[in-house]
Amino acid sequence: MNDKSSSKTQKINPIATGVAAAAGAGIAVAATMALKDEKTRKKIGNALNVAKQKAGEYLETMKEEAQKQAPMVEEKISQGKHHAKEMVDRAKQEVTKKTGK
């Protein structure tokens, strides 16, 4: 079970990487603009801190939601496998009836 949870975590990482890359690009642009005025630097710094905090909260929420959904998804997969096996067994029985083998 631990192997499965590790792979789930890896599926979330691309999202975190994308957000981090976007935040990095935003920081670079904002830093260039902020160098011109001290008040602007402070405002941008505060805004970036808020954005960083909200992005972290969003990522945490998404991670929690994904973890909540995982058992349901696993159950649906299990049910699908069981149903598929039943259908294969029925098909085999029908073939056996018709061919006599």
N, C-alpha and C. Protein backbone atom coordinates (compact mmCIF):
# COMPACT_ATOMS: atom_id res chain seq x y z
N MET A 1 0.83 -1.20 0.00
CA MET A 1 0.00 0.00 0.00
C MET A 1 0.86 1.25 0.00
N ASN A 2 2.01 1.19 0.64
CA ASN A 2 2.88 2.35 0.67
C ASN A 2 3.39 2.71 -0.71
N ASP A 3 3.61 1.68 -1.55
CA ASP A 3 4.07 1.96 -2.91
C ASP A 3 3.04 2.77 -3.68
N LYS A 4 1.75 2.44 -3.48
CA LYS A 4 0.70 3.17 -4.18
C LYS A 4 0.64 4.62 -3.73
N SER A 5 0.76 4.85 -2.42
CA SER A 5 0.68 6.22 -1.94
C SER A 5 1.88 7.04 -2.42
N SER A 6 3.03 6.40 -2.58
CA SER A 6 4.19 7.11 -3.11
C SER A 6 3.96 7.55 -4.54
N SER A 7 3.35 6.68 -5.34
CA SER A 7 3.10 7.04 -6.73
C SER A 7 2.05 8.14 -6.83
N LYS A 8 1.10 8.17 -5.90
CA LYS A 8 0.09 9.22 -5.90
C LYS A 8 0.73 10.57 -5.60
N THR A 9 1.66 10.57 -4.68
CA THR A 9 2.35 11.81 -4.34
C THR A 9 3.11 12.32 -5.56
N GLN A 10 3.71 11.43 -6.32
CA GLN A 10 4.46 11.84 -7.49
C GLN A 10 3.54 12.44 -8.54
N LYS A 11 2.30 12.02 -8.59
CA LYS A 11 1.37 12.60 -9.56
C LYS A 11 1.02 14.04 -9.22
N ILE A 12 1.12 14.40 -7.96
CA ILE A 12 0.80 15.76 -7.54
C ILE A 12 1.98 16.70 -7.80
N ASN A 13 3.19 16.18 -7.78
CA ASN A 13 4.38 17.00 -7.91
C ASN A 13 4.42 17.87 -9.16
N PRO A 14 3.97 17.42 -10.33
CA PRO A 14 4.00 18.31 -11.50
C PRO A 14 3.18 19.58 -11.29
N ILE A 15 2.10 19.47 -10.54
CA ILE A 15 1.29 20.66 -10.26
C ILE A 15 2.11 21.63 -9.41
N ALA A 16 2.74 21.09 -8.37
CA ALA A 16 3.56 21.93 -7.50
C ALA A 16 4.71 22.56 -8.28
N THR A 17 5.30 21.80 -9.17
CA THR A 17 6.39 22.31 -9.98
C THR A 17 5.92 23.45 -10.88
N GLY A 18 4.76 23.29 -11.48
CA GLY A 18 4.21 24.35 -12.33
C GLY A 18 3.91 25.62 -11.56
N VAL A 19 3.33 25.47 -10.38
CA VAL A 19 3.04 26.64 -9.55
C VAL A 19 4.34 27.32 -9.12
N ALA A 20 5.33 26.51 -8.74
CA ALA A 20 6.61 27.07 -8.31
C ALA A 20 7.29 27.82 -9.47
N ALA A 21 7.21 27.25 -10.67
CA ALA A 21 7.81 27.91 -11.83
C ALA A 21 7.11 29.24 -12.13
N ALA A 22 5.79 29.23 -12.06
CA ALA A 22 5.03 30.46 -12.30
C ALA A 22 5.35 31.50 -11.24
N ALA A 23 5.45 31.05 -10.00
CA ALA A 23 5.78 31.97 -8.91
C ALA A 23 7.19 32.54 -9.12
N GLY A 24 8.11 31.69 -9.54
CA GLY A 24 9.49 32.15 -9.79
C GLY A 24 9.55 33.20 -10.89
N ALA A 25 8.80 32.97 -11.95
CA ALA A 25 8.77 33.95 -13.05
C ALA A 25 8.14 35.26 -12.58
N GLY A 26 7.09 35.14 -11.80
CA GLY A 26 6.43 36.33 -11.27
C GLY A 26 7.35 37.11 -10.34
N ILE A 27 8.12 36.40 -9.55
CA ILE A 27 9.06 37.05 -8.64
C ILE A 27 10.13 37.80 -9.42
N ALA A 28 10.62 37.20 -10.49
CA ALA A 28 11.66 37.84 -11.30
C ALA A 28 11.16 39.15 -11.91
N VAL A 29 9.96 39.11 -12.46
CA VAL A 29 9.39 40.31 -13.07
C VAL A 29 9.10 41.37 -11.99
N ALA A 30 8.53 40.93 -10.90
CA ALA A 30 8.20 41.86 -9.83
C ALA A 30 9.46 42.48 -9.23
N ALA A 31 10.50 41.69 -9.10
CA ALA A 31 11.75 42.21 -8.53
C ALA A 31 12.33 43.30 -9.42
N THR A 32 12.27 43.12 -10.71
CA THR A 32 12.78 44.13 -11.63
C THR A 32 12.02 45.44 -11.47
N MET A 33 10.71 45.36 -11.38
CA MET A 33 9.88 46.55 -11.24
C MET A 33 10.06 47.20 -9.86
N ALA A 34 10.21 46.38 -8.86
CA ALA A 34 10.26 46.88 -7.49
C ALA A 34 11.54 47.64 -7.19
N LEU A 35 12.58 47.40 -7.93
CA LEU A 35 13.85 48.08 -7.67
C LEU A 35 13.75 49.60 -7.86
N LYS A 36 12.74 50.05 -8.52
CA LYS A 36 12.61 51.48 -8.82
C LYS A 36 12.10 52.29 -7.64
N ASP A 37 11.27 51.70 -6.77
CA ASP A 37 10.65 52.47 -5.70
C ASP A 37 10.52 51.62 -4.44
N GLU A 38 10.92 52.19 -3.29
CA GLU A 38 10.90 51.43 -2.04
C GLU A 38 9.47 51.06 -1.62
N LYS A 39 8.52 51.99 -1.76
CA LYS A 39 7.13 51.68 -1.40
C LYS A 39 6.59 50.55 -2.27
N THR A 40 6.92 50.63 -3.53
CA THR A 40 6.49 49.59 -4.45
C THR A 40 7.12 48.25 -4.07
N ARG A 41 8.39 48.29 -3.68
CA ARG A 41 9.06 47.05 -3.26
C ARG A 41 8.32 46.40 -2.09
N LYS A 42 7.94 47.22 -1.12
CA LYS A 42 7.24 46.70 0.06
C LYS A 42 5.87 46.14 -0.33
N LYS A 43 5.15 46.87 -1.16
CA LYS A 43 3.82 46.41 -1.59
C LYS A 43 3.93 45.09 -2.36
N ILE A 44 4.89 45.04 -3.26
CA ILE A 44 5.07 43.82 -4.06
C ILE A 44 5.49 42.66 -3.17
N GLY A 45 6.37 42.95 -2.22
CA GLY A 45 6.80 41.90 -1.30
C GLY A 45 5.64 41.34 -0.51
N ASN A 46 4.78 42.22 -0.03
CA ASN A 46 3.59 41.76 0.71
C ASN A 46 2.65 40.96 -0.19
N ALA A 47 2.43 41.48 -1.39
CA ALA A 47 1.54 40.78 -2.33
C ALA A 47 2.09 39.40 -2.68
N LEU A 48 3.40 39.31 -2.89
CA LEU A 48 3.98 38.01 -3.22
C LEU A 48 3.89 37.05 -2.05
N ASN A 49 4.05 37.56 -0.84
CA ASN A 49 3.91 36.70 0.33
C ASN A 49 2.49 36.15 0.45
N VAL A 50 1.52 37.01 0.19
CA VAL A 50 0.12 36.57 0.22
C VAL A 50 -0.13 35.54 -0.87
N ALA A 51 0.38 35.82 -2.07
CA ALA A 51 0.20 34.88 -3.18
C ALA A 51 0.87 33.54 -2.88
N LYS A 52 2.04 33.59 -2.32
CA LYS A 52 2.76 32.36 -1.95
C LYS A 52 1.96 31.56 -0.93
N GLN A 53 1.43 32.25 0.06
CA GLN A 53 0.65 31.58 1.10
C GLN A 53 -0.61 30.95 0.50
N LYS A 54 -1.30 31.70 -0.34
CA LYS A 54 -2.52 31.18 -0.96
C LYS A 54 -2.23 30.01 -1.89
N ALA A 55 -1.13 30.08 -2.63
CA ALA A 55 -0.75 28.98 -3.51
C ALA A 55 -0.45 27.73 -2.68
N GLY A 56 0.25 27.91 -1.56
CA GLY A 56 0.53 26.78 -0.69
C GLY A 56 -0.73 26.18 -0.11
N GLU A 57 -1.67 27.04 0.29
CA GLU A 57 -2.96 26.56 0.81
C GLU A 57 -3.73 25.82 -0.27
N TYR A 58 -3.71 26.36 -1.48
CA TYR A 58 -4.41 25.71 -2.60
C TYR A 58 -3.82 24.34 -2.89
N LEU A 59 -2.49 24.26 -2.93
CA LEU A 59 -1.84 22.98 -3.18
C LEU A 59 -2.18 21.97 -2.08
N GLU A 60 -2.18 22.42 -0.85
CA GLU A 60 -2.52 21.54 0.26
C GLU A 60 -3.96 21.04 0.15
N THR A 61 -4.87 21.95 -0.21
CA THR A 61 -6.27 21.58 -0.39
C THR A 61 -6.41 20.55 -1.52
N MET A 62 -5.73 20.79 -2.63
CA MET A 62 -5.81 19.86 -3.75
C MET A 62 -5.24 18.49 -3.37
N LYS A 63 -4.16 18.49 -2.62
CA LYS A 63 -3.56 17.24 -2.17
C LYS A 63 -4.53 16.48 -1.27
N GLU A 64 -5.17 17.19 -0.34
CA GLU A 64 -6.14 16.55 0.55
C GLU A 64 -7.32 16.00 -0.22
N GLU A 65 -7.81 16.75 -1.19
CA GLU A 65 -8.94 16.29 -2.01
C GLU A 65 -8.56 15.04 -2.80
N ALA A 66 -7.37 15.04 -3.35
CA ALA A 66 -6.91 13.87 -4.11
C ALA A 66 -6.81 12.66 -3.20
N GLN A 67 -6.32 12.86 -1.99
CA GLN A 67 -6.20 11.75 -1.05
C GLN A 67 -7.58 11.25 -0.62
N LYS A 68 -8.55 12.15 -0.51
CA LYS A 68 -9.92 11.74 -0.16
C LYS A 68 -10.54 10.91 -1.28
N GLN A 69 -10.24 11.28 -2.51
CA GLN A 69 -10.83 10.61 -3.67
C GLN A 69 -10.16 9.26 -3.97
N ALA A 70 -8.93 9.09 -3.54
CA ALA A 70 -8.16 7.88 -3.88
C ALA A 70 -8.87 6.59 -3.48
N PRO A 71 -9.40 6.46 -2.25
CA PRO A 71 -10.07 5.21 -1.89
C PRO A 71 -11.29 4.93 -2.78
N MET A 72 -12.03 5.98 -3.11
CA MET A 72 -13.20 5.78 -3.97
C MET A 72 -12.76 5.30 -5.36
N VAL A 73 -11.72 5.90 -5.88
CA VAL A 73 -11.22 5.51 -7.20
C VAL A 73 -10.73 4.07 -7.16
N GLU A 74 -9.99 3.73 -6.12
CA GLU A 74 -9.50 2.35 -5.98
C GLU A 74 -10.66 1.37 -5.90
N GLU A 75 -11.72 1.73 -5.18
CA GLU A 75 -12.89 0.86 -5.07
C GLU A 75 -13.56 0.68 -6.43
N LYS A 76 -13.69 1.77 -7.18
CA LYS A 76 -14.30 1.68 -8.52
C LYS A 76 -13.47 0.79 -9.44
N ILE A 77 -12.15 0.90 -9.35
CA ILE A 77 -11.27 0.06 -10.16
C ILE A 77 -11.46 -1.41 -9.77
N SER A 78 -11.51 -1.65 -8.47
CA SER A 78 -11.70 -3.01 -7.98
C SER A 78 -13.04 -3.58 -8.47
N GLN A 79 -14.08 -2.77 -8.39
CA GLN A 79 -15.39 -3.21 -8.87
C GLN A 79 -15.36 -3.49 -10.37
N GLY A 80 -14.68 -2.63 -11.11
CA GLY A 80 -14.57 -2.83 -12.56
C GLY A 80 -13.83 -4.11 -12.90
N LYS A 81 -12.76 -4.40 -12.18
CA LYS A 81 -12.02 -5.64 -12.41
C LYS A 81 -12.90 -6.85 -12.11
N HIS A 82 -13.63 -6.77 -11.00
CA HIS A 82 -14.51 -7.87 -10.60
C HIS A 82 -15.60 -8.09 -11.67
N HIS A 83 -16.19 -7.00 -12.12
CA HIS A 83 -17.23 -7.09 -13.14
C HIS A 83 -16.65 -7.67 -14.44
N ALA A 84 -15.47 -7.23 -14.82
CA ALA A 84 -14.85 -7.73 -16.05
C ALA A 84 -14.58 -9.23 -15.93
N LYS A 85 -14.11 -9.67 -14.76
CA LYS A 85 -13.86 -11.11 -14.55
C LYS A 85 -15.16 -11.89 -14.67
N GLU A 86 -16.24 -11.38 -14.09
CA GLU A 86 -17.53 -12.05 -14.19
C GLU A 86 -17.98 -12.17 -15.65
N MET A 87 -17.78 -11.11 -16.40
CA MET A 87 -18.18 -11.14 -17.81
C MET A 87 -17.36 -12.15 -18.60
N VAL A 88 -16.07 -12.22 -18.33
CA VAL A 88 -15.21 -13.19 -19.00
C VAL A 88 -15.65 -14.60 -18.64
N ASP A 89 -15.93 -14.83 -17.36
CA ASP A 89 -16.39 -16.16 -16.93
C ASP A 89 -17.70 -16.54 -17.61
N ARG A 90 -18.63 -15.60 -17.71
CA ARG A 90 -19.90 -15.87 -18.39
C ARG A 90 -19.68 -16.18 -19.87
N ALA A 91 -18.79 -15.42 -20.48
CA ALA A 91 -18.50 -15.65 -21.89
C ALA A 91 -17.90 -17.03 -22.10
N LYS A 92 -17.00 -17.43 -21.22
CA LYS A 92 -16.40 -18.76 -21.31
C LYS A 92 -17.46 -19.84 -21.16
N GLN A 93 -18.40 -19.64 -20.24
CA GLN A 93 -19.48 -20.61 -20.03
C GLN A 93 -20.35 -20.72 -21.28
N GLU A 94 -20.64 -19.60 -21.90
CA GLU A 94 -21.45 -19.61 -23.12
C GLU A 94 -20.73 -20.34 -24.25
N VAL A 95 -19.45 -20.08 -24.38
CA VAL A 95 -18.68 -20.75 -25.43
C VAL A 95 -18.66 -22.25 -25.16
N THR A 96 -18.48 -22.62 -23.91
CA THR A 96 -18.45 -24.04 -23.53
C THR A 96 -19.78 -24.69 -23.84
N LYS A 97 -20.90 -24.02 -23.54
CA LYS A 97 -22.22 -24.56 -23.83
C LYS A 97 -22.44 -24.79 -25.32
N LYS A 98 -22.00 -23.78 -26.11
CA LYS A 98 -22.26 -23.84 -27.54
C LYS A 98 -21.32 -24.82 -28.26
N THR A 99 -20.09 -24.92 -27.79
CA THR A 99 -19.13 -25.80 -28.47
C THR A 99 -19.06 -27.18 -27.84
N GLY A 100 -19.54 -27.29 -26.63
CA GLY A 100 -19.51 -28.58 -25.95
C GLY A 100 -18.13 -28.92 -25.42
N LYS A 101 -17.23 -27.97 -25.38
CA LYS A 101 -15.87 -28.22 -24.90
C LYS A 101 -15.65 -27.66 -23.54
